[in-house]
Amino acid sequence: MKIDRRKFFGTLGTSAAISAMSHHARAEALEHYMIEQLDSEAHAEDTDAKMLDFYDPERPVPRGTGRLFAENKNLTPMPKAPTLADFFALRFAPARHVLQSAQRALATDQPERTVLACLLHDTVLNLVKPDHGWWGAQLYEPYVDERVSWGIRYHQALRFFPDPENGYEYPEFYNRIFGEDYEPDEHLKLAYKFARDHKWYMEARLITMNDEYSFNDEAKVSIEPFIDIIGRHFKQPKEGLGNDNTASSHMWRTIANPNRPL
């Protein structure tokens, strides 16, 4: 994907506002910008996609919140007992980045739990942007293998630390956009150090290895190749996500009805 540096920085506000942002905040903003560009292009290509009726990439939303908090009077109601596939269709779509990430993991013969982790890893950005690895892990913990949620939690930190031995190089576009003096925030350094010494390190590293390369604006993707994997590895509650009284049910209800006043 080609990034117009001037246009990207224009989305961040004034020069003073940009200067006040930490390196980490600017890096996070770049990933969110790239995902939104992919999704807005998909919207232009699919004018019949009812799940996109509410999405306007030019409509401002409060910084740090996901796009679901834009004014969205035309949001399609969720089914009575919504499944993960329903959330992909009606709230996360077009989700091109995570679908590309999962497709890459599938094509390189990764374990199904890694494919699932890649499919889920950035979906929480529709709800909230800061520390999305931690928010994403919390969203999925009640429903997936612990290794999947662990990998989602720590992929955020691992993106900023190269691992040539395992085939992960520091993303070149970070250098182009932010310069070579970029330094991750302290909490990310600590998270990386913890994850690097953990027995599940590769659960998170494999997400990063299928992540930064998954911004192809010409790729055609669909949820269909992953339906069976979801069925085998995602613990879908019979009551529907948001109705099952888990530690993250409130998050699913918020995604389903982001503008509910109370």
Protein backbone atom coordinates (compact mmCIF):
# COMPACT_ATOMS: atom_id res chain seq x y z
CA MET A 1 0.00 0.00 0.00
CA LYS A 2 1.30 3.48 -0.90
CA ILE A 3 1.05 6.05 1.88
CA ASP A 4 0.80 9.79 1.15
CA ARG A 5 2.91 11.10 4.03
CA ARG A 6 1.44 14.61 3.87
CA LYS A 7 -2.14 13.36 3.76
CA PHE A 8 -1.53 11.00 6.68
CA PHE A 9 -0.05 13.71 8.88
CA GLY A 10 -2.98 15.92 7.90
CA THR A 11 -5.29 13.51 9.69
CA LEU A 12 -3.38 14.00 12.95
CA GLY A 13 -4.10 17.72 13.34
CA THR A 14 -1.82 20.73 13.64
CA SER A 15 1.97 20.63 13.78
CA ALA A 16 1.75 21.35 17.50
CA ALA A 17 -0.64 18.42 18.02
CA ILE A 18 1.64 16.08 16.08
CA SER A 19 4.71 17.24 18.04
CA ALA A 20 2.88 16.52 21.28
CA MET A 21 2.19 12.91 20.25
CA SER A 22 4.59 10.22 21.40
CA HIS A 23 6.39 8.05 18.85
CA HIS A 24 4.11 5.19 19.86
CA ALA A 25 0.95 7.25 19.35
CA ARG A 26 2.05 8.20 15.84
CA ALA A 27 2.92 4.58 15.02
CA GLU A 28 -0.50 3.44 16.23
CA ALA A 29 -2.18 6.20 14.20
CA LEU A 30 -0.36 5.02 11.07
CA GLU A 31 -1.63 1.45 11.39
CA HIS A 32 -5.17 2.68 12.00
CA TYR A 33 -4.91 4.99 8.98
CA MET A 34 -3.77 2.14 6.73
CA ILE A 35 -6.59 -0.14 7.92
CA GLU A 36 -9.17 2.59 7.33
CA GLN A 37 -7.79 3.23 3.85
CA LEU A 38 -8.20 -0.46 2.99
CA ASP A 39 -11.74 -0.52 4.35
CA SER A 40 -12.81 2.69 2.63
CA GLU A 41 -11.55 1.32 -0.70
CA ALA A 42 -13.56 -1.85 -0.13
CA HIS A 43 -16.63 0.29 0.57
CA ALA A 44 -16.18 2.08 -2.73
CA GLU A 45 -15.99 -1.28 -4.52
CA ASP A 46 -19.02 -2.80 -2.78
CA THR A 47 -21.87 -0.32 -2.73
CA ASP A 48 -24.35 -3.08 -1.83
CA ALA A 49 -22.59 -4.07 1.40
CA LYS A 50 -25.26 -3.27 3.97
CA MET A 51 -22.83 -3.57 6.86
CA LEU A 52 -20.95 -0.52 5.53
CA ASP A 53 -23.93 1.83 5.34
CA PHE A 54 -22.80 3.66 8.45
CA TYR A 55 -19.12 4.08 7.60
CA ASP A 56 -17.80 7.43 6.43
CA PRO A 57 -13.98 7.63 6.66
CA GLU A 58 -14.14 11.43 6.42
CA ARG A 59 -16.45 11.78 9.45
CA PRO A 60 -14.39 12.63 12.53
CA VAL A 61 -14.61 10.50 15.65
CA PRO A 62 -13.06 11.26 19.04
CA ARG A 63 -9.37 10.36 19.08
CA GLY A 64 -8.79 6.95 20.60
CA THR A 65 -12.24 5.62 19.82
CA GLY A 66 -13.03 3.18 17.04
CA ARG A 67 -15.03 4.06 13.96
CA LEU A 68 -18.19 2.53 15.44
CA PHE A 69 -18.52 5.67 17.57
CA ALA A 70 -19.08 7.82 14.51
CA GLU A 71 -22.66 8.94 14.09
CA ASN A 72 -24.21 5.81 12.61
CA LYS A 73 -28.00 6.03 12.45
CA ASN A 74 -28.07 3.40 9.69
CA LEU A 75 -26.24 0.69 11.63
CA THR A 76 -27.81 -2.65 10.78
CA PRO A 77 -29.32 -4.28 13.90
CA MET A 78 -27.58 -7.41 15.15
CA PRO A 79 -29.42 -10.78 15.26
CA LYS A 80 -30.96 -11.84 18.56
CA ALA A 81 -28.12 -14.30 19.29
CA PRO A 82 -25.20 -12.89 17.28
CA THR A 83 -22.26 -15.05 16.26
CA LEU A 84 -18.69 -14.03 15.53
CA ALA A 85 -19.49 -14.22 11.81
CA ASP A 86 -22.37 -11.78 12.38
CA PHE A 87 -20.00 -9.32 14.02
CA PHE A 88 -17.60 -9.64 11.08
CA ALA A 89 -20.44 -8.99 8.64
CA LEU A 90 -22.23 -6.20 10.48
CA ARG A 91 -19.63 -4.43 12.64
CA PHE A 92 -16.07 -5.32 11.59
CA ALA A 93 -16.53 -5.38 7.81
CA PRO A 94 -14.87 -5.06 5.43
CA ALA A 95 -11.99 -6.09 7.75
CA ARG A 96 -9.62 -6.44 4.82
CA HIS A 97 -6.44 -6.19 6.88
CA VAL A 98 -7.24 -9.03 9.31
CA LEU A 99 -8.65 -11.17 6.51
CA GLN A 100 -5.44 -10.69 4.54
CA SER A 101 -3.41 -11.47 7.64
CA ALA A 102 -5.33 -14.70 8.25
CA GLN A 103 -5.11 -15.61 4.56
CA ARG A 104 -1.34 -15.24 4.68
CA ALA A 105 -1.15 -17.45 7.77
CA LEU A 106 -3.33 -20.04 6.06
CA ALA A 107 -1.23 -19.98 2.90
CA THR A 108 1.98 -20.52 4.88
CA ASP A 109 0.55 -23.56 6.69
CA GLN A 110 0.41 -22.04 10.15
CA PRO A 111 -1.54 -23.85 12.91
CA GLU A 112 -5.26 -23.13 12.87
CA ARG A 113 -5.03 -21.25 16.17
CA THR A 114 -2.49 -18.89 14.55
CA VAL A 115 -4.81 -18.39 11.59
CA LEU A 116 -7.61 -17.57 14.05
CA ALA A 117 -5.36 -15.18 16.02
CA CYS A 118 -4.46 -13.36 12.80
CA LEU A 119 -8.14 -13.15 11.88
CA LEU A 120 -9.03 -11.58 15.24
CA HIS A 121 -5.95 -9.58 16.19
CA ASP A 122 -7.00 -6.04 15.14
CA THR A 123 -10.80 -6.28 15.13
CA VAL A 124 -11.04 -4.45 18.48
CA LEU A 125 -9.81 -1.30 16.70
CA ASN A 126 -13.44 -0.81 15.68
CA LEU A 127 -14.12 -0.20 19.39
CA VAL A 128 -10.96 1.40 20.80
CA LYS A 129 -7.46 2.24 19.57
CA PRO A 130 -5.01 2.72 22.49
CA ASP A 131 -3.37 -0.50 23.67
CA HIS A 132 -5.44 -2.50 21.21
CA GLY A 133 -3.45 -5.67 21.89
CA TRP A 134 -4.63 -5.75 25.49
CA TRP A 135 -8.19 -4.75 24.62
CA GLY A 136 -8.31 -7.37 21.87
CA ALA A 137 -7.06 -10.11 24.19
CA GLN A 138 -9.73 -9.23 26.75
CA LEU A 139 -12.44 -9.26 24.08
CA TYR A 140 -11.62 -12.82 23.00
CA GLU A 141 -10.27 -14.50 26.16
CA PRO A 142 -13.51 -16.26 27.16
CA TYR A 143 -13.92 -17.83 23.72
CA VAL A 144 -10.51 -19.00 22.49
CA ASP A 145 -7.50 -21.09 23.45
CA GLU A 146 -5.38 -19.14 25.93
CA ARG A 147 -2.51 -19.09 23.46
CA VAL A 148 -4.65 -17.19 20.94
CA SER A 149 -5.57 -14.37 23.34
CA TRP A 150 -1.99 -14.30 24.67
CA GLY A 151 -0.66 -13.85 21.15
CA ILE A 152 -3.14 -11.06 20.43
CA ARG A 153 -2.13 -9.26 23.64
CA TYR A 154 1.59 -9.22 22.91
CA HIS A 155 1.60 -8.77 19.13
CA GLN A 156 1.22 -5.01 19.73
CA ALA A 157 4.56 -4.76 21.49
CA LEU A 158 6.42 -7.25 19.29
CA ARG A 159 5.74 -5.24 16.13
CA PHE A 160 8.41 -2.75 17.17
CA PHE A 161 11.20 -5.24 17.81
CA PRO A 162 12.88 -7.11 14.95
CA ASP A 163 13.55 -10.83 15.10
CA PRO A 164 15.63 -11.69 12.00
CA GLU A 165 16.19 -15.23 13.24
CA ASN A 166 12.49 -15.90 12.81
CA GLY A 167 12.10 -13.79 9.67
CA TYR A 168 10.66 -10.60 11.16
CA GLU A 169 12.32 -7.32 10.18
CA TYR A 170 11.47 -3.91 11.57
CA PRO A 171 8.83 -2.39 9.23
CA GLU A 172 10.58 -0.07 6.80
CA PHE A 173 7.59 2.25 6.54
CA TYR A 174 8.02 3.10 10.24
CA ASN A 175 11.44 4.52 9.35
CA ARG A 176 10.02 6.37 6.36
CA ILE A 177 7.14 7.91 8.27
CA PHE A 178 8.65 8.56 11.70
CA GLY A 179 12.40 8.49 11.16
CA GLU A 180 15.03 6.14 12.51
CA ASP A 181 14.93 7.67 16.00
CA TYR A 182 11.58 6.05 16.84
CA GLU A 183 11.56 4.47 20.29
CA PRO A 184 8.63 2.45 21.71
CA ASP A 185 6.97 3.53 24.95
CA GLU A 186 8.30 1.99 28.16
CA HIS A 187 5.30 -0.29 28.70
CA LEU A 188 5.90 -1.79 25.25
CA LYS A 189 9.55 -2.42 26.03
CA LEU A 190 8.56 -4.21 29.23
CA ALA A 191 5.88 -6.21 27.42
CA TYR A 192 8.39 -7.23 24.74
CA LYS A 193 10.94 -8.33 27.32
CA PHE A 194 8.31 -10.44 29.09
CA ALA A 195 6.99 -11.97 25.87
CA ARG A 196 10.46 -12.67 24.46
CA ASP A 197 11.28 -14.91 27.40
CA HIS A 198 7.88 -16.62 27.51
CA LYS A 199 7.22 -20.15 26.29
CA TRP A 200 4.45 -18.79 24.03
CA TYR A 201 6.61 -16.14 22.40
CA MET A 202 5.99 -17.48 18.89
CA GLU A 203 2.20 -17.24 19.35
CA ALA A 204 2.56 -13.45 19.24
CA ARG A 205 5.53 -13.34 16.87
CA LEU A 206 3.63 -15.29 14.21
CA ILE A 207 0.88 -12.68 14.30
CA THR A 208 3.41 -9.93 13.59
CA MET A 209 4.95 -12.00 10.82
CA ASN A 210 1.55 -12.15 9.12
CA ASP A 211 0.55 -8.62 10.11
CA GLU A 212 2.73 -5.86 8.73
CA TYR A 213 2.76 -7.40 5.27
CA SER A 214 -1.03 -7.56 5.07
CA PHE A 215 -1.98 -4.16 3.64
CA ASN A 216 -2.47 -5.17 0.01
CA ASP A 217 -5.10 -2.85 -1.42
CA GLU A 218 -5.63 -5.16 -4.43
CA ALA A 219 -6.23 -8.41 -2.54
CA LYS A 220 -9.68 -10.02 -2.71
CA VAL A 221 -10.61 -11.58 0.63
CA SER A 222 -13.62 -13.15 2.31
CA ILE A 223 -14.56 -14.62 5.68
CA GLU A 224 -15.67 -17.87 4.01
CA PRO A 225 -12.31 -19.73 4.11
CA PHE A 226 -12.23 -19.27 7.88
CA ILE A 227 -15.76 -20.33 8.85
CA ASP A 228 -14.74 -23.92 9.62
CA ILE A 229 -11.70 -22.75 11.62
CA ILE A 230 -13.96 -20.46 13.65
CA GLY A 231 -16.31 -23.38 14.21
CA ARG A 232 -13.49 -25.59 15.51
CA HIS A 233 -11.67 -23.04 17.65
CA PHE A 234 -14.11 -20.32 18.73
CA LYS A 235 -16.46 -21.12 21.64
CA GLN A 236 -19.62 -19.54 20.32
CA PRO A 237 -22.15 -19.06 23.17
CA LYS A 238 -25.65 -20.30 22.41
CA GLU A 239 -27.09 -17.09 23.89
CA GLY A 240 -25.10 -15.01 21.43
CA LEU A 241 -22.03 -12.82 22.01
CA GLY A 242 -22.94 -10.11 24.49
CA ASN A 243 -25.73 -12.12 26.09
CA ASP A 244 -23.63 -14.78 27.83
CA ASN A 245 -22.38 -13.02 30.99
CA THR A 246 -18.62 -13.35 30.51
CA ALA A 247 -15.91 -10.88 31.50
CA SER A 248 -16.09 -9.34 28.02
CA SER A 249 -19.83 -9.53 27.28
CA HIS A 250 -20.12 -5.78 27.91
CA MET A 251 -17.58 -5.17 25.14
CA TRP A 252 -19.63 -7.18 22.64
CA ARG A 253 -22.79 -5.29 23.66
CA THR A 254 -20.96 -1.99 23.12
CA ILE A 255 -19.82 -3.07 19.66
CA ALA A 256 -23.37 -4.17 18.83
CA ASN A 257 -24.92 -0.88 20.04
CA PRO A 258 -22.15 1.75 20.26
CA ASN A 259 -24.50 4.73 20.42
CA ARG A 260 -26.86 3.42 23.08
CA PRO A 261 -27.34 6.37 25.47
CA LEU A 262 -27.46 4.33 28.69
